Amino acid sequence: MDEINRKRLRWGALLVWCPWIPVAIGLAMTLRDIAKHKATGIDAVAGGLTELFVVWGIGAILIGQVTAIILLSRSLSAGHWVRNVFSFVSIGLGLLMLLLVGLFLWLSWFQDHHSF
């Protein structure tokens, strides 16, 4: 049973942490472009995030994060406090990623349907 929990932990951690690599690179590139072009407002940020999420695939992120959270939740076990802490931090990052994707989708819809 412990080997199954370790396998769940590995797969869950891999699924949670992998999307953060291109997200970090994309955000850095977006912030660099905003500074270089002296762009302001939500449109500048939304444009960079749109490019980032379209390339990576919103569906892949959602499926991967939900799967990772389920695997990490099932890998929790008594007596393995380091594993549990790592799982909780990874679950938190997965939830943050889901929040960012949800925020992106909401801002995209809101910007498209509510012009001021």
N, C-alpha and C. Protein backbone atom coordinates (compact mmCIF):
# COMPACT_ATOMS: atom_id res chain seq x y z
N MET A 1 0.83 -1.21 0.00
CA MET A 1 0.00 0.00 0.00
C MET A 1 0.87 1.26 0.00
N ASP A 2 2.01 1.20 0.69
CA ASP A 2 2.88 2.37 0.74
C ASP A 2 3.47 2.69 -0.63
N GLU A 3 3.75 1.64 -1.42
CA GLU A 3 4.27 1.86 -2.77
C GLU A 3 3.22 2.54 -3.65
N ILE A 4 1.97 2.20 -3.48
CA ILE A 4 0.89 2.84 -4.24
C ILE A 4 0.81 4.32 -3.88
N ASN A 5 0.93 4.64 -2.58
CA ASN A 5 0.89 6.04 -2.15
C ASN A 5 2.08 6.82 -2.71
N ARG A 6 3.24 6.20 -2.75
CA ARG A 6 4.42 6.88 -3.32
C ARG A 6 4.22 7.15 -4.80
N LYS A 7 3.64 6.19 -5.51
CA LYS A 7 3.39 6.37 -6.94
C LYS A 7 2.37 7.48 -7.17
N ARG A 8 1.33 7.52 -6.35
CA ARG A 8 0.33 8.59 -6.46
C ARG A 8 0.97 9.94 -6.19
N LEU A 9 1.84 9.98 -5.18
CA LEU A 9 2.53 11.23 -4.85
C LEU A 9 3.38 11.70 -6.02
N ARG A 10 4.14 10.81 -6.62
CA ARG A 10 5.01 11.18 -7.74
C ARG A 10 4.20 11.70 -8.92
N TRP A 11 3.16 10.97 -9.31
CA TRP A 11 2.34 11.41 -10.44
C TRP A 11 1.60 12.71 -10.13
N GLY A 12 1.07 12.81 -8.93
CA GLY A 12 0.36 14.02 -8.55
C GLY A 12 1.28 15.24 -8.55
N ALA A 13 2.48 15.06 -7.98
CA ALA A 13 3.43 16.18 -7.94
C ALA A 13 3.86 16.56 -9.35
N LEU A 14 4.10 15.58 -10.20
CA LEU A 14 4.50 15.87 -11.57
C LEU A 14 3.41 16.65 -12.31
N LEU A 15 2.15 16.23 -12.13
CA LEU A 15 1.05 16.92 -12.80
C LEU A 15 0.83 18.33 -12.28
N VAL A 16 1.10 18.56 -10.98
CA VAL A 16 0.90 19.89 -10.42
C VAL A 16 2.03 20.83 -10.79
N TRP A 17 3.25 20.37 -10.72
CA TRP A 17 4.41 21.25 -10.89
C TRP A 17 4.74 21.52 -12.36
N CYS A 18 4.46 20.62 -13.27
CA CYS A 18 4.83 20.81 -14.68
C CYS A 18 4.22 22.06 -15.32
N PRO A 19 2.96 22.37 -15.12
CA PRO A 19 2.42 23.57 -15.76
C PRO A 19 3.03 24.88 -15.26
N TRP A 20 3.65 24.85 -14.09
CA TRP A 20 4.22 26.09 -13.55
C TRP A 20 5.47 26.52 -14.30
N ILE A 21 6.14 25.61 -14.99
CA ILE A 21 7.34 25.99 -15.74
C ILE A 21 6.98 26.92 -16.89
N PRO A 22 6.08 26.52 -17.81
CA PRO A 22 5.73 27.46 -18.88
C PRO A 22 4.97 28.68 -18.39
N VAL A 23 4.20 28.54 -17.30
CA VAL A 23 3.49 29.70 -16.77
C VAL A 23 4.49 30.74 -16.27
N ALA A 24 5.50 30.31 -15.55
CA ALA A 24 6.52 31.24 -15.05
C ALA A 24 7.25 31.91 -16.21
N ILE A 25 7.60 31.12 -17.23
CA ILE A 25 8.28 31.69 -18.40
C ILE A 25 7.35 32.66 -19.13
N GLY A 26 6.10 32.27 -19.32
CA GLY A 26 5.14 33.15 -20.01
C GLY A 26 4.88 34.44 -19.26
N LEU A 27 4.75 34.35 -17.93
CA LEU A 27 4.54 35.57 -17.15
C LEU A 27 5.75 36.48 -17.20
N ALA A 28 6.94 35.90 -17.16
CA ALA A 28 8.15 36.71 -17.25
C ALA A 28 8.22 37.41 -18.61
N MET A 29 7.89 36.68 -19.67
CA MET A 29 7.89 37.30 -21.00
C MET A 29 6.83 38.39 -21.11
N THR A 30 5.65 38.14 -20.54
CA THR A 30 4.59 39.14 -20.56
C THR A 30 5.00 40.40 -19.82
N LEU A 31 5.55 40.24 -18.63
CA LEU A 31 5.98 41.41 -17.86
C LEU A 31 7.11 42.15 -18.57
N ARG A 32 8.01 41.41 -19.23
CA ARG A 32 9.09 42.06 -19.98
C ARG A 32 8.52 42.88 -21.14
N ASP A 33 7.54 42.30 -21.86
CA ASP A 33 6.93 43.02 -22.98
C ASP A 33 6.16 44.24 -22.51
N ILE A 34 5.47 44.12 -21.38
CA ILE A 34 4.74 45.26 -20.83
C ILE A 34 5.71 46.39 -20.49
N ALA A 35 6.82 46.04 -19.86
CA ALA A 35 7.81 47.06 -19.49
C ALA A 35 8.46 47.66 -20.74
N LYS A 36 8.75 46.82 -21.73
CA LYS A 36 9.42 47.31 -22.94
C LYS A 36 8.53 48.25 -23.74
N HIS A 37 7.25 47.93 -23.83
CA HIS A 37 6.32 48.75 -24.61
C HIS A 37 5.59 49.78 -23.76
N LYS A 38 5.89 49.80 -22.47
CA LYS A 38 5.26 50.73 -21.53
C LYS A 38 3.73 50.64 -21.62
N ALA A 39 3.25 49.42 -21.73
CA ALA A 39 1.81 49.17 -21.82
C ALA A 39 1.21 49.21 -20.42
N THR A 40 -0.03 49.63 -20.35
CA THR A 40 -0.72 49.68 -19.06
C THR A 40 -2.12 49.09 -19.22
N GLY A 41 -2.71 48.77 -18.10
CA GLY A 41 -4.08 48.30 -18.10
C GLY A 41 -4.19 46.80 -18.18
N ILE A 42 -5.41 46.34 -17.99
CA ILE A 42 -5.69 44.91 -17.97
C ILE A 42 -5.53 44.30 -19.35
N ASP A 43 -5.70 45.10 -20.41
CA ASP A 43 -5.55 44.58 -21.77
C ASP A 43 -4.14 44.08 -22.03
N ALA A 44 -3.14 44.77 -21.50
CA ALA A 44 -1.75 44.34 -21.70
C ALA A 44 -1.50 43.00 -21.03
N VAL A 45 -1.99 42.85 -19.81
CA VAL A 45 -1.81 41.60 -19.08
C VAL A 45 -2.64 40.49 -19.71
N ALA A 46 -3.89 40.79 -20.08
CA ALA A 46 -4.77 39.78 -20.67
C ALA A 46 -4.22 39.27 -21.99
N GLY A 47 -3.61 40.15 -22.77
CA GLY A 47 -3.03 39.72 -24.05
C GLY A 47 -1.92 38.72 -23.85
N GLY A 48 -1.04 38.98 -22.90
CA GLY A 48 0.05 38.05 -22.62
C GLY A 48 -0.45 36.74 -22.05
N LEU A 49 -1.42 36.80 -21.16
CA LEU A 49 -1.97 35.56 -20.58
C LEU A 49 -2.74 34.76 -21.62
N THR A 50 -3.41 35.44 -22.53
CA THR A 50 -4.14 34.74 -23.59
C THR A 50 -3.18 33.92 -24.43
N GLU A 51 -2.09 34.52 -24.83
CA GLU A 51 -1.09 33.80 -25.61
C GLU A 51 -0.55 32.60 -24.84
N LEU A 52 -0.28 32.79 -23.57
CA LEU A 52 0.27 31.72 -22.74
C LEU A 52 -0.70 30.55 -22.62
N PHE A 53 -1.95 30.82 -22.27
CA PHE A 53 -2.90 29.74 -22.03
C PHE A 53 -3.36 29.06 -23.32
N VAL A 54 -3.42 29.79 -24.40
CA VAL A 54 -3.79 29.16 -25.67
C VAL A 54 -2.72 28.17 -26.09
N VAL A 55 -1.44 28.57 -25.95
CA VAL A 55 -0.35 27.68 -26.33
C VAL A 55 -0.36 26.42 -25.47
N TRP A 56 -0.51 26.56 -24.19
CA TRP A 56 -0.43 25.41 -23.27
C TRP A 56 -1.67 24.56 -23.31
N GLY A 57 -2.76 25.14 -23.49
CA GLY A 57 -4.01 24.37 -23.56
C GLY A 57 -4.75 24.37 -22.24
N ILE A 58 -5.81 25.13 -22.21
CA ILE A 58 -6.59 25.25 -20.97
C ILE A 58 -7.14 23.90 -20.54
N GLY A 59 -7.61 23.13 -21.48
CA GLY A 59 -8.16 21.82 -21.15
C GLY A 59 -7.14 20.91 -20.50
N ALA A 60 -5.92 20.90 -21.03
CA ALA A 60 -4.87 20.05 -20.46
C ALA A 60 -4.53 20.47 -19.03
N ILE A 61 -4.52 21.75 -18.78
CA ILE A 61 -4.23 22.23 -17.43
C ILE A 61 -5.34 21.83 -16.46
N LEU A 62 -6.57 22.02 -16.88
CA LEU A 62 -7.68 21.67 -15.99
C LEU A 62 -7.70 20.18 -15.67
N ILE A 63 -7.58 19.36 -16.68
CA ILE A 63 -7.60 17.91 -16.47
C ILE A 63 -6.40 17.48 -15.63
N GLY A 64 -5.24 17.99 -15.95
CA GLY A 64 -4.04 17.63 -15.20
C GLY A 64 -4.09 18.05 -13.75
N GLN A 65 -4.57 19.25 -13.48
CA GLN A 65 -4.61 19.74 -12.11
C GLN A 65 -5.63 18.98 -11.26
N VAL A 66 -6.79 18.72 -11.82
CA VAL A 66 -7.81 17.98 -11.07
C VAL A 66 -7.32 16.57 -10.78
N THR A 67 -6.72 15.92 -11.78
CA THR A 67 -6.17 14.58 -11.58
C THR A 67 -5.08 14.60 -10.52
N ALA A 68 -4.20 15.60 -10.59
CA ALA A 68 -3.11 15.69 -9.62
C ALA A 68 -3.63 15.89 -8.20
N ILE A 69 -4.63 16.72 -8.04
CA ILE A 69 -5.18 16.98 -6.71
C ILE A 69 -5.80 15.70 -6.15
N ILE A 70 -6.49 14.95 -6.99
CA ILE A 70 -7.07 13.67 -6.54
C ILE A 70 -5.97 12.70 -6.13
N LEU A 71 -4.92 12.56 -6.97
CA LEU A 71 -3.82 11.65 -6.64
C LEU A 71 -3.10 12.07 -5.37
N LEU A 72 -2.84 13.36 -5.23
CA LEU A 72 -2.14 13.85 -4.04
C LEU A 72 -2.98 13.67 -2.79
N SER A 73 -4.27 13.88 -2.91
CA SER A 73 -5.16 13.69 -1.76
C SER A 73 -5.18 12.22 -1.32
N ARG A 74 -5.13 11.33 -2.27
CA ARG A 74 -5.16 9.90 -1.94
C ARG A 74 -3.80 9.40 -1.45
N SER A 75 -2.73 10.18 -1.65
CA SER A 75 -1.40 9.76 -1.20
C SER A 75 -1.13 10.12 0.26
N LEU A 76 -2.03 10.87 0.89
CA LEU A 76 -1.83 11.26 2.29
C LEU A 76 -1.91 10.02 3.17
N SER A 77 -0.98 9.94 4.13
CA SER A 77 -1.00 8.79 5.05
C SER A 77 -0.38 9.21 6.38
N ALA A 78 -0.84 8.58 7.44
CA ALA A 78 -0.34 8.86 8.77
C ALA A 78 1.11 8.39 8.88
N GLY A 79 1.91 9.16 9.59
CA GLY A 79 3.29 8.77 9.82
C GLY A 79 4.26 9.26 8.77
N HIS A 80 3.79 9.88 7.72
CA HIS A 80 4.66 10.42 6.67
C HIS A 80 4.43 11.93 6.59
N TRP A 81 4.90 12.66 7.58
CA TRP A 81 4.58 14.08 7.65
C TRP A 81 5.26 14.88 6.53
N VAL A 82 6.46 14.50 6.10
CA VAL A 82 7.12 15.23 5.02
C VAL A 82 6.32 15.06 3.72
N ARG A 83 5.90 13.84 3.45
CA ARG A 83 5.08 13.57 2.27
C ARG A 83 3.78 14.35 2.34
N ASN A 84 3.17 14.38 3.52
CA ASN A 84 1.91 15.09 3.68
C ASN A 84 2.08 16.59 3.47
N VAL A 85 3.15 17.17 4.00
CA VAL A 85 3.39 18.61 3.81
C VAL A 85 3.60 18.91 2.33
N PHE A 86 4.42 18.09 1.66
CA PHE A 86 4.65 18.28 0.23
C PHE A 86 3.34 18.14 -0.55
N SER A 87 2.52 17.18 -0.16
CA SER A 87 1.23 16.99 -0.83
C SER A 87 0.33 18.20 -0.64
N PHE A 88 0.27 18.74 0.59
CA PHE A 88 -0.57 19.91 0.85
C PHE A 88 -0.09 21.13 0.08
N VAL A 89 1.24 21.34 0.01
CA VAL A 89 1.77 22.47 -0.76
C VAL A 89 1.44 22.29 -2.24
N SER A 90 1.61 21.08 -2.74
CA SER A 90 1.31 20.80 -4.15
C SER A 90 -0.18 20.94 -4.44
N ILE A 91 -1.04 20.50 -3.53
CA ILE A 91 -2.48 20.67 -3.71
C ILE A 91 -2.82 22.16 -3.74
N GLY A 92 -2.18 22.94 -2.88
CA GLY A 92 -2.39 24.38 -2.88
C GLY A 92 -2.00 25.02 -4.21
N LEU A 93 -0.86 24.58 -4.77
CA LEU A 93 -0.45 25.10 -6.07
C LEU A 93 -1.42 24.68 -7.18
N GLY A 94 -1.94 23.47 -7.08
CA GLY A 94 -2.93 23.02 -8.05
C GLY A 94 -4.20 23.85 -7.98
N LEU A 95 -4.64 24.14 -6.77
CA LEU A 95 -5.83 24.99 -6.60
C LEU A 95 -5.58 26.41 -7.09
N LEU A 96 -4.36 26.93 -6.85
CA LEU A 96 -4.01 28.25 -7.35
C LEU A 96 -4.04 28.27 -8.88
N MET A 97 -3.52 27.22 -9.50
CA MET A 97 -3.55 27.14 -10.97
C MET A 97 -4.99 27.12 -11.47
N LEU A 98 -5.85 26.35 -10.82
CA LEU A 98 -7.26 26.32 -11.23
C LEU A 98 -7.90 27.70 -11.05
N LEU A 99 -7.55 28.40 -9.99
CA LEU A 99 -8.06 29.75 -9.77
C LEU A 99 -7.59 30.70 -10.87
N LEU A 100 -6.32 30.61 -11.25
CA LEU A 100 -5.80 31.47 -12.31
C LEU A 100 -6.48 31.19 -13.65
N VAL A 101 -6.70 29.94 -13.96
CA VAL A 101 -7.39 29.59 -15.21
C VAL A 101 -8.83 30.10 -15.17
N GLY A 102 -9.49 29.92 -14.03
CA GLY A 102 -10.85 30.43 -13.88
C GLY A 102 -10.91 31.95 -14.01
N LEU A 103 -9.95 32.63 -13.40
CA LEU A 103 -9.88 34.09 -13.50
C LEU A 103 -9.64 34.52 -14.95
N PHE A 104 -8.76 33.81 -15.61
CA PHE A 104 -8.50 34.10 -17.03
C PHE A 104 -9.77 33.94 -17.86
N LEU A 105 -10.46 32.83 -17.66
CA LEU A 105 -11.69 32.60 -18.43
C LEU A 105 -12.74 33.66 -18.13
N TRP A 106 -12.87 34.02 -16.86
CA TRP A 106 -13.85 35.04 -16.49
C TRP A 106 -13.48 36.39 -17.09
N LEU A 107 -12.20 36.77 -16.99
CA LEU A 107 -11.77 38.06 -17.54
C LEU A 107 -11.93 38.08 -19.06
N SER A 108 -11.64 36.96 -19.70
CA SER A 108 -11.80 36.89 -21.16
C SER A 108 -13.26 37.08 -21.54
N TRP A 109 -14.15 36.38 -20.83
CA TRP A 109 -15.58 36.52 -21.13
C TRP A 109 -16.06 37.92 -20.78
N PHE A 110 -15.65 38.42 -19.63
CA PHE A 110 -16.11 39.73 -19.17
C PHE A 110 -15.64 40.83 -20.12
N GLN A 111 -14.39 40.75 -20.55
CA GLN A 111 -13.86 41.77 -21.48
C GLN A 111 -14.59 41.70 -22.82
N ASP A 112 -14.95 40.48 -23.26
CA ASP A 112 -15.57 40.31 -24.55
C ASP A 112 -17.03 40.76 -24.55
N HIS A 113 -17.73 40.56 -23.44
CA HIS A 113 -19.16 40.82 -23.40
C HIS A 113 -19.56 42.12 -22.70
N HIS A 114 -18.64 42.78 -22.04
CA HIS A 114 -18.97 44.00 -21.31
C HIS A 114 -17.97 45.10 -21.63
N SER A 115 -18.17 45.75 -22.74
CA SER A 115 -17.29 46.87 -23.12
C SER A 115 -17.80 48.14 -22.45
N PHE A 116 -16.89 48.88 -21.88
CA PHE A 116 -17.26 50.13 -21.21
C PHE A 116 -16.93 51.30 -22.07
